[in-house]
């Protein structure tokens, strides 16, 4: 349920990984295996970055995601180039 919905509307993520994110509570979690979930969201205090550049057909159409750790906080944005 964390940026892991495929084209068919199914959640394809790992429940154990979700539990680990809850337990560890990192500032950021970067991943990209589920291509259709590209983007940025939040889960509690954790910012989630599905950084997949390609579609399921490996077409590189998603913009790169950019984030910086500044003064202990995560700041995000996207790049169009």
C-alpha atoms as a PDB file:
ATOM      1  CA  UNK A   1       0.000   0.000   0.000  1.00  0.00           C
ATOM      2  CA  UNK A   2       2.985   2.372  -0.246  1.00  0.00           C
ATOM      3  CA  UNK A   3       3.362   3.611  -3.851  1.00  0.00           C
ATOM      4  CA  UNK A   4       3.119  -0.006  -5.017  1.00  0.00           C
ATOM      5  CA  UNK A   5      -0.094  -0.135  -7.094  1.00  0.00           C
ATOM      6  CA  UNK A   6       0.322  -1.718 -10.530  1.00  0.00           C
ATOM      7  CA  UNK A   7      -1.689  -0.998 -13.698  1.00  0.00           C
ATOM      8  CA  UNK A   8      -4.299  -3.552 -12.658  1.00  0.00           C
ATOM      9  CA  UNK A   9      -4.873  -1.719  -9.359  1.00  0.00           C
ATOM     10  CA  UNK A  10      -3.196  -4.406  -7.242  1.00  0.00           C
ATOM     11  CA  UNK A  11      -0.824  -3.604  -4.379  1.00  0.00           C
ATOM     12  CA  UNK A  12       2.425  -5.446  -5.109  1.00  0.00           C
ATOM     13  CA  UNK A  13       4.572  -4.351  -2.194  1.00  0.00           C
ATOM     14  CA  UNK A  14       6.060  -6.393   0.614  1.00  0.00           C
ATOM     15  CA  UNK A  15       4.171  -6.444   3.933  1.00  0.00           C
ATOM     16  CA  UNK A  16       7.359  -7.241   5.833  1.00  0.00           C
ATOM     17  CA  UNK A  17       9.107  -4.219   4.327  1.00  0.00           C
ATOM     18  CA  UNK A  18       6.161  -2.012   5.361  1.00  0.00           C
ATOM     19  CA  UNK A  19       6.457  -3.342   8.931  1.00  0.00           C
ATOM     20  CA  UNK A  20      10.201  -2.609   8.888  1.00  0.00           C
ATOM     21  CA  UNK A  21       9.569   0.977   7.733  1.00  0.00           C
ATOM     22  CA  UNK A  22       7.093   1.419  10.592  1.00  0.00           C
ATOM     23  CA  UNK A  23       9.529  -0.055  13.109  1.00  0.00           C
ATOM     24  CA  UNK A  24      12.655   1.809  11.964  1.00  0.00           C
ATOM     25  CA  UNK A  25      10.845   5.044  10.983  1.00  0.00           C
ATOM     26  CA  UNK A  26      13.567   6.307   8.599  1.00  0.00           C
ATOM     27  CA  UNK A  27      13.482   9.866   7.291  1.00  0.00           C
ATOM     28  CA  UNK A  28      13.410   8.579   3.722  1.00  0.00           C
ATOM     29  CA  UNK A  29      12.809   5.307   1.899  1.00  0.00           C
ATOM     30  CA  UNK A  30      13.867   5.125  -1.773  1.00  0.00           C
ATOM     31  CA  UNK A  31      12.710   2.292  -4.018  1.00  0.00           C
ATOM     32  CA  UNK A  32      11.434   1.658  -7.548  1.00  0.00           C
ATOM     33  CA  UNK A  33      10.558  -1.955  -8.300  1.00  0.00           C
ATOM     34  CA  UNK A  34       6.845  -1.235  -8.927  1.00  0.00           C
ATOM     35  CA  UNK A  35       7.252   1.102 -11.905  1.00  0.00           C
ATOM     36  CA  UNK A  36       3.663   2.396 -11.872  1.00  0.00           C
ATOM     37  CA  UNK A  37       3.995   3.806  -8.341  1.00  0.00           C
ATOM     38  CA  UNK A  38       6.465   6.548  -9.345  1.00  0.00           C
ATOM     39  CA  UNK A  39       6.315   9.641  -7.157  1.00  0.00           C
ATOM     40  CA  UNK A  40       6.648  10.972  -3.632  1.00  0.00           C
ATOM     41  CA  UNK A  41       4.381  10.476  -0.637  1.00  0.00           C
ATOM     42  CA  UNK A  42       4.536  10.165   3.123  1.00  0.00           C
ATOM     43  CA  UNK A  43       4.038   7.258   5.544  1.00  0.00           C
ATOM     44  CA  UNK A  44       4.071   8.606   9.078  1.00  0.00           C
ATOM     45  CA  UNK A  45       7.305  10.563   9.421  1.00  0.00           C
ATOM     46  CA  UNK A  46       8.913   8.771   6.455  1.00  0.00           C
ATOM     47  CA  UNK A  47       9.025  10.327   2.991  1.00  0.00           C
ATOM     48  CA  UNK A  48       8.607   7.663   0.325  1.00  0.00           C
ATOM     49  CA  UNK A  49      10.346   8.021  -3.029  1.00  0.00           C
ATOM     50  CA  UNK A  50       9.372   5.556  -5.753  1.00  0.00           C
ATOM     51  CA  UNK A  51      12.161   6.626  -8.084  1.00  0.00           C
ATOM     52  CA  UNK A  52      11.419   4.324 -11.014  1.00  0.00           C
ATOM     53  CA  UNK A  53      12.298   6.155 -14.220  1.00  0.00           C
ATOM     54  CA  UNK A  54      10.826   3.563 -16.590  1.00  0.00           C
ATOM     55  CA  UNK A  55       7.348   2.208 -17.208  1.00  0.00           C
ATOM     56  CA  UNK A  56       6.616  -1.507 -16.989  1.00  0.00           C
ATOM     57  CA  UNK A  57       7.617  -1.682 -20.681  1.00  0.00           C
ATOM     58  CA  UNK A  58      10.976  -0.031 -19.812  1.00  0.00           C
ATOM     59  CA  UNK A  59      10.143   3.275 -21.480  1.00  0.00           C
ATOM     60  CA  UNK A  60      12.039   6.034 -19.617  1.00  0.00           C
ATOM     61  CA  UNK A  61       9.192   8.550 -19.243  1.00  0.00           C
ATOM     62  CA  UNK A  62       9.105   9.351 -15.495  1.00  0.00           C
ATOM     63  CA  UNK A  63      10.994  12.388 -14.256  1.00  0.00           C
ATOM     64  CA  UNK A  64      13.939  11.790 -11.922  1.00  0.00           C
ATOM     65  CA  UNK A  65      13.199  12.449  -8.274  1.00  0.00           C
ATOM     66  CA  UNK A  66      15.621  14.610  -6.354  1.00  0.00           C
ATOM     67  CA  UNK A  67      15.946  14.949  -2.613  1.00  0.00           C
ATOM     68  CA  UNK A  68      18.422  16.513  -0.229  1.00  0.00           C
ATOM     69  CA  UNK A  69      19.074  16.049   3.463  1.00  0.00           C
ATOM     70  CA  UNK A  70      19.351  19.570   4.826  1.00  0.00           C
ATOM     71  CA  UNK A  71      19.657  20.181   8.563  1.00  0.00           C
ATOM     72  CA  UNK A  72      18.334  16.700   9.299  1.00  0.00           C
ATOM     73  CA  UNK A  73      15.222  17.083   7.116  1.00  0.00           C
ATOM     74  CA  UNK A  74      14.359  15.645   3.718  1.00  0.00           C
ATOM     75  CA  UNK A  75      13.531  18.160   0.991  1.00  0.00           C
ATOM     76  CA  UNK A  76      12.190  16.808  -2.267  1.00  0.00           C
ATOM     77  CA  UNK A  77      11.597  17.928  -5.811  1.00  0.00           C
ATOM     78  CA  UNK A  78      11.591  16.694  -9.372  1.00  0.00           C
ATOM     79  CA  UNK A  79      13.826  17.413 -12.303  1.00  0.00           C
ATOM     80  CA  UNK A  80      12.529  17.778 -15.817  1.00  0.00           C
ATOM     81  CA  UNK A  81      15.934  17.327 -17.482  1.00  0.00           C
END
